[in-house]
N, C-alpha and C. Protein backbone atom coordinates (compact mmCIF):
# COMPACT_ATOMS: atom_id res chain seq x y z
N MET A 1 -17.97 0.02 -19.49
CA MET A 1 -18.13 1.29 -19.96
C MET A 1 -18.21 1.41 -21.49
N SER A 2 -19.26 2.13 -22.04
CA SER A 2 -19.45 2.51 -23.25
C SER A 2 -18.36 3.38 -24.01
N ARG A 3 -18.17 3.12 -25.40
CA ARG A 3 -17.09 4.09 -26.24
C ARG A 3 -17.30 5.48 -25.43
N CYS A 4 -18.11 6.14 -25.16
CA CYS A 4 -18.82 7.58 -25.09
C CYS A 4 -18.10 7.70 -23.99
N GLU A 5 -18.24 7.16 -22.88
CA GLU A 5 -18.05 6.95 -21.55
C GLU A 5 -16.62 6.98 -21.67
N ALA A 6 -15.93 6.27 -22.03
CA ALA A 6 -14.39 6.29 -22.40
C ALA A 6 -13.83 7.22 -22.92
N GLU A 7 -14.22 7.68 -23.99
CA GLU A 7 -13.82 8.52 -24.21
C GLU A 7 -13.83 9.94 -23.75
N HIS A 8 -14.86 9.83 -22.64
CA HIS A 8 -15.17 11.10 -21.98
C HIS A 8 -14.15 11.17 -20.59
N TYR A 9 -13.81 9.74 -20.23
CA TYR A 9 -12.99 9.55 -19.15
C TYR A 9 -11.43 9.80 -19.45
N VAL A 10 -10.94 9.65 -20.73
CA VAL A 10 -9.87 10.11 -21.24
C VAL A 10 -9.80 11.62 -21.51
N GLU A 11 -10.82 12.38 -21.85
CA GLU A 11 -10.95 13.84 -22.07
C GLU A 11 -10.49 14.44 -20.71
N ARG A 12 -11.50 14.12 -19.44
CA ARG A 12 -11.26 14.64 -18.52
C ARG A 12 -9.74 14.21 -18.18
N ARG A 13 -9.44 12.97 -17.98
CA ARG A 13 -8.04 12.50 -17.31
C ARG A 13 -7.06 13.46 -18.24
N MET A 14 -6.92 14.10 -19.26
CA MET A 14 -6.01 15.11 -19.81
C MET A 14 -6.04 16.07 -19.22
N VAL A 15 -6.94 16.62 -18.96
CA VAL A 15 -7.07 17.99 -18.47
C VAL A 15 -6.62 17.79 -16.88
N VAL A 16 -6.59 17.09 -16.35
CA VAL A 16 -6.35 16.72 -14.89
C VAL A 16 -4.85 16.72 -14.91
N ARG A 17 -4.15 15.80 -15.89
CA ARG A 17 -2.91 15.98 -15.92
C ARG A 17 -2.30 17.23 -16.46
N SER A 18 -2.78 18.08 -17.16
CA SER A 18 -2.44 19.44 -17.64
C SER A 18 -2.08 20.16 -16.09
N PHE A 19 -3.35 19.83 -15.13
CA PHE A 19 -3.49 20.86 -14.31
C PHE A 19 -2.42 20.28 -13.24
N LEU A 20 -2.13 19.25 -13.12
CA LEU A 20 -1.23 18.47 -12.28
C LEU A 20 -0.02 18.66 -12.80
N GLY A 21 0.69 19.04 -14.17
CA GLY A 21 1.69 19.27 -14.06
C GLY A 21 2.02 20.96 -14.11
N ARG A 22 0.99 21.95 -14.39
CA ARG A 22 1.19 23.40 -13.45
C ARG A 22 1.42 23.29 -12.39
N ALA A 23 0.21 22.42 -11.18
CA ALA A 23 0.52 22.87 -9.85
C ALA A 23 2.13 22.22 -9.17
N ALA A 24 2.62 21.20 -10.09
CA ALA A 24 3.85 20.46 -9.57
C ALA A 24 5.02 21.44 -9.52
N ILE A 25 4.87 22.29 -10.53
CA ILE A 25 5.96 23.43 -11.15
C ILE A 25 5.61 24.50 -10.14
N MET A 26 4.35 24.91 -9.59
CA MET A 26 4.47 25.74 -9.11
C MET A 26 4.74 25.54 -7.67
N LEU A 27 4.13 24.36 -7.22
CA LEU A 27 5.19 23.89 -5.49
C LEU A 27 6.33 23.72 -5.38
N ALA A 28 6.89 23.21 -6.46
CA ALA A 28 8.24 23.29 -6.58
C ALA A 28 9.01 24.59 -6.64
N VAL A 29 8.47 25.19 -7.20
CA VAL A 29 8.85 26.80 -7.16
C VAL A 29 8.88 27.81 -5.73
N ALA A 30 7.31 27.67 -5.71
CA ALA A 30 7.00 28.07 -4.26
C ALA A 30 7.13 27.94 -3.34
N VAL A 31 6.90 26.53 -3.14
CA VAL A 31 6.73 26.36 -1.18
C VAL A 31 8.18 26.00 -0.85
N TYR A 32 8.18 26.22 0.39
CA TYR A 32 9.60 26.40 0.93
C TYR A 32 10.44 27.49 0.38
N ALA A 33 10.26 28.80 -0.46
CA ALA A 33 11.16 29.00 -1.24
C ALA A 33 12.27 30.21 -0.68
N ALA A 34 11.77 30.24 0.55
CA ALA A 34 12.85 31.02 1.91
C ALA A 34 12.08 30.59 3.03
N PRO A 35 12.44 29.22 3.35
CA PRO A 35 12.02 28.62 4.59
C PRO A 35 12.57 29.07 6.12
N THR A 36 11.95 29.50 6.98
CA THR A 36 12.73 29.55 8.22
C THR A 36 13.91 30.16 8.61
N LEU A 37 14.15 31.20 7.48
CA LEU A 37 15.89 31.66 7.72
C LEU A 37 15.84 32.11 9.00
N ALA A 38 14.53 32.93 9.79
CA ALA A 38 14.74 33.40 11.02
C ALA A 38 14.93 32.27 12.15
N GLN A 39 14.94 31.08 11.98
CA GLN A 39 15.26 30.29 12.73
C GLN A 39 16.68 29.74 12.56
N SER A 40 17.41 30.84 12.68
CA SER A 40 18.89 30.55 12.88
C SER A 40 19.71 29.34 13.50
N VAL A 41 20.67 28.67 13.19
CA VAL A 41 21.18 27.60 13.99
C VAL A 41 22.24 28.31 14.04
N ALA A 42 22.54 29.48 14.24
CA ALA A 42 24.18 30.14 14.94
C ALA A 42 23.86 30.55 16.07
N PRO A 43 25.02 30.45 17.07
CA PRO A 43 24.44 30.77 18.36
C PRO A 43 24.36 32.00 18.59
N ALA A 44 23.35 32.28 19.53
CA ALA A 44 22.95 33.43 20.00
C ALA A 44 24.10 34.41 20.55
N GLY A 45 24.22 35.87 19.89
CA GLY A 45 25.16 36.36 19.91
C GLY A 45 26.60 36.60 19.01
N TYR A 46 26.30 35.38 17.92
CA TYR A 46 27.35 35.19 16.86
C TYR A 46 27.44 36.40 16.09
N SER A 47 28.47 37.09 15.95
CA SER A 47 28.14 38.44 15.29
C SER A 47 28.20 38.30 13.63
N ASP A 48 28.75 37.19 13.35
CA ASP A 48 29.18 37.04 11.97
C ASP A 48 28.37 35.81 11.60
N THR A 49 27.09 35.57 11.44
CA THR A 49 26.44 34.20 11.10
C THR A 49 26.91 33.88 9.75
N LEU A 50 26.75 34.33 8.84
CA LEU A 50 27.47 34.09 7.50
C LEU A 50 28.79 32.99 7.33
N ARG A 51 29.39 33.65 8.04
CA ARG A 51 30.85 33.10 8.48
C ARG A 51 30.45 32.04 9.29
N TRP A 52 29.77 32.03 10.18
CA TRP A 52 29.22 30.95 11.14
C TRP A 52 28.72 29.57 10.06
N TYR A 53 27.89 29.80 9.24
CA TYR A 53 27.26 29.17 8.33
C TYR A 53 28.26 28.36 7.51
N HIS A 54 29.15 29.20 6.73
CA HIS A 54 30.20 28.54 5.73
C HIS A 54 30.97 27.52 6.73
N ARG A 55 31.46 27.77 7.98
CA ARG A 55 32.01 27.20 9.13
C ARG A 55 31.60 25.85 9.35
N GLN A 56 29.98 25.96 9.59
CA GLN A 56 29.75 24.74 9.72
C GLN A 56 29.27 23.80 8.67
N ALA A 57 28.76 24.27 7.55
CA ALA A 57 28.74 23.81 6.24
C ALA A 57 30.03 22.88 5.96
N ALA A 58 30.89 23.54 5.86
CA ALA A 58 32.26 22.68 5.47
C ALA A 58 32.49 21.81 6.26
N ALA A 59 32.05 21.82 7.81
CA ALA A 59 32.09 20.46 8.73
C ALA A 59 31.27 19.48 8.72
N GLY A 60 30.21 19.48 8.01
CA GLY A 60 29.41 18.61 7.57
C GLY A 60 28.11 19.00 8.32
N ASP A 61 27.62 19.79 8.76
CA ASP A 61 26.41 20.16 9.46
C ASP A 61 25.17 20.26 8.54
N ALA A 62 24.55 19.34 8.19
CA ALA A 62 23.40 19.28 7.26
C ALA A 62 22.71 20.65 7.52
N ARG A 63 21.93 20.90 8.84
CA ARG A 63 21.15 21.95 8.52
C ARG A 63 21.94 23.44 8.21
N ALA A 64 23.37 23.42 8.53
CA ALA A 64 23.77 24.72 8.04
C ALA A 64 24.03 24.73 6.69
N GLN A 65 24.36 23.45 6.00
CA GLN A 65 24.41 23.55 4.40
C GLN A 65 23.15 23.81 3.72
N PHE A 66 21.47 23.16 4.51
CA PHE A 66 20.87 23.51 3.76
C PHE A 66 20.44 25.18 3.79
N LEU A 67 20.56 25.69 5.28
CA LEU A 67 20.08 27.31 5.29
C LEU A 67 20.99 28.04 4.50
N LEU A 68 22.27 27.70 4.43
CA LEU A 68 23.56 28.42 3.60
C LEU A 68 22.55 28.19 1.87
N GLY A 69 22.30 27.00 1.67
CA GLY A 69 21.88 26.76 0.33
C GLY A 69 20.78 27.79 0.05
N ILE A 70 20.03 28.11 0.73
CA ILE A 70 18.38 28.84 0.82
C ILE A 70 19.31 30.17 0.70
N LYS A 71 20.04 30.71 1.34
CA LYS A 71 21.04 32.62 1.15
C LYS A 71 21.32 32.31 -0.02
N TYR A 72 22.16 31.04 -0.64
CA TYR A 72 22.59 31.20 -2.32
C TYR A 72 21.62 31.12 -2.93
N GLU A 73 20.45 30.36 -2.69
CA GLU A 73 19.15 30.38 -3.94
C GLU A 73 18.63 31.91 -3.79
N THR A 74 18.06 32.29 -2.67
CA THR A 74 17.54 33.72 -3.15
C THR A 74 18.40 34.80 -2.88
N GLY A 75 19.77 34.73 -2.59
CA GLY A 75 20.86 35.88 -2.67
C GLY A 75 20.63 36.78 -1.56
N THR A 76 20.35 36.12 -0.49
CA THR A 76 20.25 36.87 1.06
C THR A 76 22.01 36.88 1.44
N ASP A 77 22.14 37.74 1.64
CA ASP A 77 23.63 38.49 2.16
C ASP A 77 24.74 37.69 1.28
N VAL A 78 24.25 37.17 0.35
CA VAL A 78 25.10 36.59 -0.46
C VAL A 78 24.98 37.21 -2.03
N GLU A 79 26.08 37.01 -3.37
CA GLU A 79 25.57 36.91 -4.38
C GLU A 79 24.51 35.88 -4.48
N ARG A 80 23.69 35.76 -5.61
CA ARG A 80 23.05 34.59 -5.90
C ARG A 80 23.41 33.83 -6.65
N ASP A 81 23.42 32.38 -6.33
CA ASP A 81 24.17 31.62 -6.80
C ASP A 81 23.45 30.11 -6.73
N LEU A 82 22.83 29.69 -8.24
CA LEU A 82 21.59 28.63 -8.02
C LEU A 82 22.61 27.26 -7.88
N ALA A 83 23.94 27.29 -8.54
CA ALA A 83 24.79 26.08 -8.84
C ALA A 83 25.07 25.80 -7.43
N ARG A 84 25.48 27.20 -6.68
CA ARG A 84 26.23 27.02 -5.22
C ARG A 84 25.00 26.26 -4.36
N ALA A 85 23.94 26.89 -4.67
CA ALA A 85 22.77 26.30 -3.70
C ALA A 85 22.26 25.02 -4.12
N ALA A 86 22.32 24.22 -5.12
CA ALA A 86 22.27 23.12 -5.67
C ALA A 86 23.33 22.41 -4.93
N GLU A 87 24.42 22.58 -4.66
CA GLU A 87 25.52 21.77 -4.39
C GLU A 87 25.11 21.54 -2.84
N LEU A 88 24.78 22.85 -2.15
CA LEU A 88 24.91 22.67 -0.62
C LEU A 88 23.49 21.81 -0.28
N TYR A 89 22.37 22.05 -1.27
CA TYR A 89 21.36 21.31 -0.74
C TYR A 89 21.90 19.85 -1.02
N GLU A 90 22.29 19.30 -2.20
CA GLU A 90 22.54 17.60 -2.67
C GLU A 90 23.64 17.51 -1.25
N ARG A 91 24.10 18.19 -0.65
CA ARG A 91 25.35 17.64 0.76
C ARG A 91 24.39 17.27 1.38
N ALA A 92 23.41 18.24 1.83
CA ALA A 92 22.46 18.27 3.02
C ALA A 92 21.27 16.76 2.58
N ALA A 93 20.83 16.85 1.72
CA ALA A 93 20.13 15.74 1.00
C ALA A 93 20.80 14.29 1.57
N ARG A 94 21.96 14.22 0.89
CA ARG A 94 22.38 12.95 1.41
C ARG A 94 23.03 12.61 2.49
N GLN A 95 22.54 13.65 3.46
CA GLN A 95 22.93 13.52 5.09
C GLN A 95 21.06 12.83 5.53
N GLY A 96 20.26 12.69 4.84
CA GLY A 96 19.03 12.22 4.97
C GLY A 96 18.08 13.52 5.59
N LEU A 97 18.56 15.00 5.43
CA LEU A 97 17.74 15.92 5.72
C LEU A 97 16.32 16.42 4.70
N ALA A 98 15.35 15.95 5.28
CA ALA A 98 14.17 15.97 4.22
C ALA A 98 14.09 17.29 3.88
N ASP A 99 13.90 18.25 3.91
CA ASP A 99 13.72 19.94 3.31
C ASP A 99 14.96 20.33 2.68
N ALA A 100 16.19 19.65 2.40
CA ALA A 100 16.91 19.76 1.59
C ALA A 100 16.86 18.50 0.38
N GLN A 101 16.34 17.59 0.85
CA GLN A 101 15.86 16.49 -0.20
C GLN A 101 14.93 17.11 -1.07
N PHE A 102 13.83 17.76 -0.52
CA PHE A 102 12.95 18.01 -1.11
C PHE A 102 13.57 19.45 -2.31
N LYS A 103 14.20 20.49 -1.50
CA LYS A 103 14.75 21.56 -2.39
C LYS A 103 15.66 21.01 -3.77
N TYR A 104 16.49 19.96 -3.36
CA TYR A 104 17.22 19.59 -4.05
C TYR A 104 16.77 19.22 -5.21
N ALA A 105 15.18 18.10 -4.89
CA ALA A 105 14.67 17.34 -5.89
C ALA A 105 14.00 18.98 -6.66
N THR A 106 13.45 19.81 -6.33
CA THR A 106 12.97 20.92 -7.06
C THR A 106 13.99 21.61 -8.02
N MET A 107 15.26 21.67 -7.69
CA MET A 107 16.21 21.99 -8.58
C MET A 107 16.42 21.14 -10.01
N LEU A 108 16.27 19.72 -9.36
CA LEU A 108 16.31 18.85 -10.57
C LEU A 108 15.21 19.14 -11.48
N GLN A 109 14.17 19.26 -10.71
CA GLN A 109 12.72 19.00 -11.83
C GLN A 109 12.66 20.20 -12.45
N THR A 110 13.22 21.52 -12.00
CA THR A 110 13.10 22.49 -13.11
C THR A 110 14.29 23.23 -13.64
N GLY A 111 15.12 22.36 -13.49
CA GLY A 111 16.35 22.72 -13.98
C GLY A 111 16.94 24.00 -13.82
N ARG A 112 16.88 24.34 -12.46
CA ARG A 112 17.56 25.51 -11.60
C ARG A 112 18.69 25.29 -11.12
N GLY A 113 20.05 25.66 -11.32
CA GLY A 113 20.87 25.29 -11.02
C GLY A 113 21.78 24.16 -11.06
N HIS A 114 21.18 23.36 -11.89
CA HIS A 114 21.58 21.98 -11.99
C HIS A 114 20.64 21.34 -13.41
N ALA A 115 21.43 20.57 -13.83
CA ALA A 115 21.06 19.83 -15.17
C ALA A 115 19.34 19.50 -14.75
N HIS A 116 18.67 19.41 -15.97
CA HIS A 116 17.35 18.95 -15.84
C HIS A 116 17.43 17.86 -15.56
N ASP A 117 16.70 17.00 -14.33
CA ASP A 117 16.80 15.40 -14.27
C ASP A 117 15.56 14.82 -13.71
N ILE A 118 14.85 14.67 -14.53
CA ILE A 118 13.57 14.35 -13.73
C ILE A 118 13.44 12.85 -12.95
N THR A 119 14.06 11.82 -13.43
CA THR A 119 14.50 10.67 -12.69
C THR A 119 15.25 10.77 -11.11
N GLY A 120 16.08 11.63 -11.01
CA GLY A 120 16.89 12.28 -10.19
C GLY A 120 15.89 13.09 -9.11
N ALA A 121 15.11 13.99 -9.71
CA ALA A 121 13.78 14.69 -8.97
C ALA A 121 13.06 13.70 -8.30
N GLU A 122 12.52 12.68 -8.83
CA GLU A 122 11.91 11.70 -8.41
C GLU A 122 12.15 10.81 -7.34
N THR A 123 13.58 10.62 -7.67
CA THR A 123 14.22 9.59 -6.46
C THR A 123 14.38 10.38 -5.10
N TRP A 124 14.69 12.12 -5.02
CA TRP A 124 14.78 12.78 -4.03
C TRP A 124 13.43 13.32 -3.67
N TYR A 125 12.50 13.47 -4.50
CA TYR A 125 11.07 13.70 -3.45
C TYR A 125 10.59 12.45 -2.76
N ARG A 126 10.75 11.31 -3.40
CA ARG A 126 10.99 10.14 -2.73
C ARG A 126 11.45 9.53 -1.22
N ALA A 127 12.75 9.74 -1.38
CA ALA A 127 13.32 10.21 -0.11
C ALA A 127 13.15 10.84 0.77
N ALA A 128 12.46 12.54 0.54
CA ALA A 128 11.93 13.15 1.69
C ALA A 128 10.40 12.92 1.84
N ALA A 129 9.46 12.59 0.92
CA ALA A 129 8.01 11.76 0.83
C ALA A 129 8.40 10.90 2.23
N LEU A 130 9.58 9.61 2.12
CA LEU A 130 9.37 8.53 3.03
C LEU A 130 9.58 9.48 4.55
N ARG A 131 10.32 10.40 4.58
CA ARG A 131 10.16 11.26 5.98
C ARG A 131 9.44 11.92 5.84
N ASP A 132 8.20 12.05 5.29
CA ASP A 132 7.00 12.61 5.95
C ASP A 132 6.86 13.61 5.52
N HIS A 133 7.15 14.10 4.27
CA HIS A 133 7.48 15.85 4.14
C HIS A 133 6.54 16.11 3.06
N ALA A 134 5.34 16.94 3.65
CA ALA A 134 4.23 16.62 3.12
C ALA A 134 4.60 17.34 1.48
N PRO A 135 4.98 18.51 0.98
CA PRO A 135 5.37 18.87 -0.22
C PRO A 135 6.00 18.06 -1.32
N ALA A 136 6.90 17.54 -0.46
CA ALA A 136 7.72 16.43 -1.52
C ALA A 136 6.63 14.95 -1.65
N GLN A 137 5.69 14.80 -0.94
CA GLN A 137 4.48 13.69 -0.89
C GLN A 137 3.74 14.50 -2.11
N PHE A 138 3.04 15.37 -2.45
CA PHE A 138 2.59 16.30 -3.08
C PHE A 138 3.24 16.20 -4.49
N ASN A 139 4.27 16.50 -4.81
CA ASN A 139 5.28 16.43 -5.82
C ASN A 139 5.52 15.08 -6.71
N LEU A 140 5.87 14.15 -5.36
CA LEU A 140 5.81 12.67 -5.89
C LEU A 140 4.81 12.11 -6.61
N GLY A 141 3.50 12.24 -5.47
CA GLY A 141 2.38 11.91 -6.34
C GLY A 141 2.06 12.14 -7.50
N VAL A 142 2.27 13.85 -7.97
CA VAL A 142 2.02 14.31 -8.94
C VAL A 142 2.89 13.55 -10.29
N MET A 143 4.03 13.49 -9.89
CA MET A 143 5.00 13.03 -11.14
C MET A 143 4.56 11.29 -11.59
N LEU A 144 4.07 10.93 -10.57
CA LEU A 144 3.90 9.19 -10.52
C LEU A 144 2.54 9.26 -11.63
N ILE A 145 1.68 9.78 -11.16
CA ILE A 145 0.32 10.10 -11.59
C ILE A 145 0.93 10.34 -13.09
N ASN A 146 1.68 11.29 -13.50
CA ASN A 146 1.52 12.02 -14.42
C ASN A 146 2.24 11.00 -15.73
N LYS A 147 2.96 9.88 -15.13
CA LYS A 147 3.55 8.83 -15.97
C LYS A 147 3.12 7.85 -15.63
N ALA A 148 1.89 7.81 -15.14
CA ALA A 148 1.26 6.61 -14.70
C ALA A 148 1.02 5.46 -16.15
N GLN A 149 1.44 4.34 -15.92
CA GLN A 149 1.16 3.26 -17.25
C GLN A 149 0.07 2.30 -16.52
N SER A 150 -0.15 2.35 -15.34
CA SER A 150 -0.88 1.27 -14.83
C SER A 150 -1.70 1.55 -13.79
N ASP A 151 -2.76 0.57 -13.40
CA ASP A 151 -3.62 1.33 -12.14
C ASP A 151 -2.97 1.00 -10.88
N ASP A 152 -1.69 0.31 -11.11
CA ASP A 152 -0.74 0.31 -9.90
C ASP A 152 -0.32 1.77 -9.63
N ASP A 153 0.00 2.01 -10.85
CA ASP A 153 1.14 3.31 -10.60
C ASP A 153 0.19 4.55 -10.23
N SER A 154 -0.95 4.61 -10.88
CA SER A 154 -1.84 5.37 -10.37
C SER A 154 -2.45 5.70 -9.05
N ALA A 155 -2.12 4.25 -8.44
CA ALA A 155 -2.64 4.34 -6.92
C ALA A 155 -1.70 4.66 -6.18
N GLU A 156 -0.11 4.35 -6.40
CA GLU A 156 0.78 4.63 -5.64
C GLU A 156 0.67 6.31 -5.83
N GLY A 157 0.61 6.84 -6.89
CA GLY A 157 0.60 8.72 -6.73
C GLY A 157 -0.22 9.20 -5.92
N LEU A 158 -1.85 8.53 -6.05
CA LEU A 158 -2.71 8.91 -5.29
C LEU A 158 -2.89 8.78 -3.75
N SER A 159 -2.05 7.41 -3.56
CA SER A 159 -1.62 7.34 -2.16
C SER A 159 -1.00 8.48 -1.40
N TRP A 160 0.28 9.15 -2.17
CA TRP A 160 1.02 9.95 -1.84
C TRP A 160 0.43 11.41 -1.78
N LEU A 161 -0.56 11.65 -3.03
CA LEU A 161 -1.34 12.79 -2.51
C LEU A 161 -2.23 12.89 -1.32
N ILE A 162 -2.63 11.58 -0.97
CA ILE A 162 -3.65 11.44 0.15
C ILE A 162 -2.73 11.82 1.36
N ARG A 163 -1.56 11.26 1.61
CA ARG A 163 -0.88 11.42 2.78
C ARG A 163 -0.59 12.50 2.90
N SER A 164 0.21 13.46 1.84
CA SER A 164 0.12 14.89 1.87
C SER A 164 -1.03 15.89 2.18
N SER A 165 -2.24 15.40 1.87
CA SER A 165 -3.24 16.07 2.03
C SER A 165 -3.71 15.98 3.62
N ARG A 166 -3.19 15.00 4.43
CA ARG A 166 -3.19 14.93 5.69
C ARG A 166 -3.08 16.01 6.33
N THR A 167 -2.15 16.29 5.54
CA THR A 167 -1.35 17.51 6.40
C THR A 167 -2.12 18.65 6.28
N GLY A 168 -2.85 19.01 5.69
CA GLY A 168 -3.40 20.22 5.17
C GLY A 168 -3.18 20.82 4.22
N LEU A 169 -2.32 20.37 3.43
CA LEU A 169 -1.79 21.22 2.09
C LEU A 169 -2.94 21.08 1.06
N ALA A 170 -3.51 22.79 1.08
CA ALA A 170 -4.78 22.62 0.05
C ALA A 170 -4.50 22.26 -1.48
N PRO A 171 -2.93 22.32 -2.13
CA PRO A 171 -3.51 21.70 -3.32
C PRO A 171 -3.75 20.08 -3.23
N ALA A 172 -2.91 19.70 -2.42
CA ALA A 172 -3.27 18.17 -2.23
C ALA A 172 -4.68 17.27 -2.19
N ARG A 173 -5.30 18.51 -1.19
CA ARG A 173 -6.98 18.27 -0.77
C ARG A 173 -7.56 18.67 -2.12
N ALA A 174 -7.53 19.32 -3.05
CA ALA A 174 -8.15 19.89 -4.03
C ALA A 174 -7.75 18.57 -5.12
N LEU A 175 -6.56 18.08 -5.26
CA LEU A 175 -6.25 17.02 -6.17
C LEU A 175 -6.84 15.80 -5.93
N VAL A 176 -6.89 15.24 -4.67
CA VAL A 176 -7.31 13.97 -4.18
C VAL A 176 -8.84 13.81 -4.50
N GLU A 177 -9.48 15.25 -4.19
CA GLU A 177 -10.93 15.57 -4.48
C GLU A 177 -11.25 15.31 -6.04
N LYS A 178 -10.32 15.80 -7.22
CA LYS A 178 -10.51 15.69 -8.33
C LYS A 178 -9.99 14.14 -8.99
N LEU A 179 -9.19 13.67 -8.26
CA LEU A 179 -8.47 12.48 -8.74
C LEU A 179 -9.50 11.08 -8.19
N THR A 180 -9.92 11.47 -7.08
CA THR A 180 -11.17 10.30 -6.53
C THR A 180 -12.53 10.22 -7.87
N ASP A 181 -12.87 11.51 -7.94
CA ASP A 181 -13.93 11.30 -9.18
C ASP A 181 -13.45 10.72 -10.31
N ILE A 182 -12.19 10.71 -11.07
CA ILE A 182 -11.96 10.28 -12.22
C ILE A 182 -11.53 8.91 -11.91
N HIS A 183 -10.70 8.50 -11.03
CA HIS A 183 -9.99 7.07 -11.15
C HIS A 183 -11.22 6.11 -10.69
N SER A 184 -11.05 5.14 -10.94
CA SER A 184 -11.80 4.06 -10.89
C SER A 184 -12.11 3.40 -8.90
N GLU A 185 -13.04 2.78 -8.67
CA GLU A 185 -13.27 2.28 -7.22
C GLU A 185 -12.30 1.81 -6.71
N ASP A 186 -11.75 0.97 -7.55
CA ASP A 186 -10.72 -0.21 -7.17
C ASP A 186 -9.26 0.71 -7.12
N ILE A 187 -8.86 1.63 -7.79
CA ILE A 187 -7.82 2.40 -7.80
C ILE A 187 -7.74 3.33 -6.50
N VAL A 188 -9.11 3.95 -6.08
CA VAL A 188 -9.06 5.11 -5.01
C VAL A 188 -8.96 4.11 -3.94
N ARG A 189 -9.43 2.78 -3.74
CA ARG A 189 -9.69 1.57 -2.84
C ARG A 189 -7.67 1.37 -2.40
N SER A 190 -7.29 1.30 -3.46
CA SER A 190 -5.92 0.50 -3.65
C SER A 190 -5.13 1.81 -2.88
N ALA A 191 -5.44 3.24 -3.43
CA ALA A 191 -4.60 3.99 -2.91
C ALA A 191 -4.59 4.08 -1.13
N ARG A 192 -6.14 4.38 -0.88
CA ARG A 192 -6.21 4.62 0.05
C ARG A 192 -5.40 3.53 1.49
N THR A 193 -5.82 2.24 0.90
CA THR A 193 -4.83 1.17 1.57
C THR A 193 -3.34 1.51 1.79
N LEU A 194 -3.08 1.83 0.60
CA LEU A 194 -1.41 2.31 0.71
C LEU A 194 -1.00 3.54 1.40
N ALA A 195 -1.97 4.42 1.31
CA ALA A 195 -1.62 5.28 2.37
C ALA A 195 -1.92 5.38 3.55
N GLU A 196 -2.46 4.27 4.50
CA GLU A 196 -2.70 3.82 5.52
C GLU A 196 -1.40 3.00 6.03
N LEU A 197 -0.36 2.37 5.18
CA LEU A 197 0.87 1.94 5.65
C LEU A 197 1.65 3.01 6.46
N PRO A 198 2.38 2.15 7.53
CA PRO A 198 3.54 3.05 7.83
C PRO A 198 4.82 3.29 6.56
N LEU A 199 5.09 4.73 6.95
CA LEU A 199 6.28 4.79 5.93
C LEU A 199 7.36 3.91 6.11
N ALA A 200 7.32 3.14 6.98
CA ALA A 200 8.70 2.36 7.20
C ALA A 200 8.41 1.03 6.03
N ASP A 201 7.44 0.71 6.34
CA ASP A 201 6.83 -0.69 5.30
C ASP A 201 6.76 0.00 3.90
N VAL A 202 6.57 1.42 3.51
CA VAL A 202 6.41 1.69 1.99
C VAL A 202 8.07 1.22 1.42
N SER A 203 7.76 0.70 0.35
CA SER A 203 9.34 0.36 -0.13
C SER A 203 9.85 1.53 -1.12
N ASN A 204 11.33 1.76 -0.90
CA ASN A 204 11.88 2.84 -1.40
C ASN A 204 12.04 2.50 -3.23
N GLU A 205 11.97 1.26 -3.53
CA GLU A 205 12.16 0.87 -4.91
C GLU A 205 10.56 0.63 -5.81
N ARG A 206 10.92 0.88 -6.82
CA ARG A 206 9.77 0.64 -7.81
C ARG A 206 10.04 -0.37 -8.70
């Protein structure tokens, strides 16, 4: 690669990284902002669903904790309380609920309801991504590419975007197209190989 080509490569990469950062925050805030509250876990005919959510959440029901967290995050039927929402998401996340892991990660990433914690956000995005949660795979891929220090890092980040794109997530499809144009054939090939691995074979450790 000539010096001119190298400079052009770096310039294009900086532009994409800037775009990736904006896209990650957009998805973190917008995706699943108020998911499936209509799919109530409360028994049919139960008159006080909020009370039921609280009771079940206190008893350790992860789905109830997640849905109650949504209520506190959005201020639906309760006074809005982001810290309480983050607490409920964390409790459900620790029980392995992928939706809660994703929501908790977004709060850590954006500093909403919890201290800003990028490392923690990556950990929880990865946990949800390993459960085949497409938005978490997208955000994890973006985070890994933005901080990539090696071709292996870039390949791993792109692999998560490829997985996410296969679900039809439009931002993931767009970024995969951009990144395959920018990265070397070796990185793209490695990313596609990683994306073909069963999630059970993908290490949770870096």
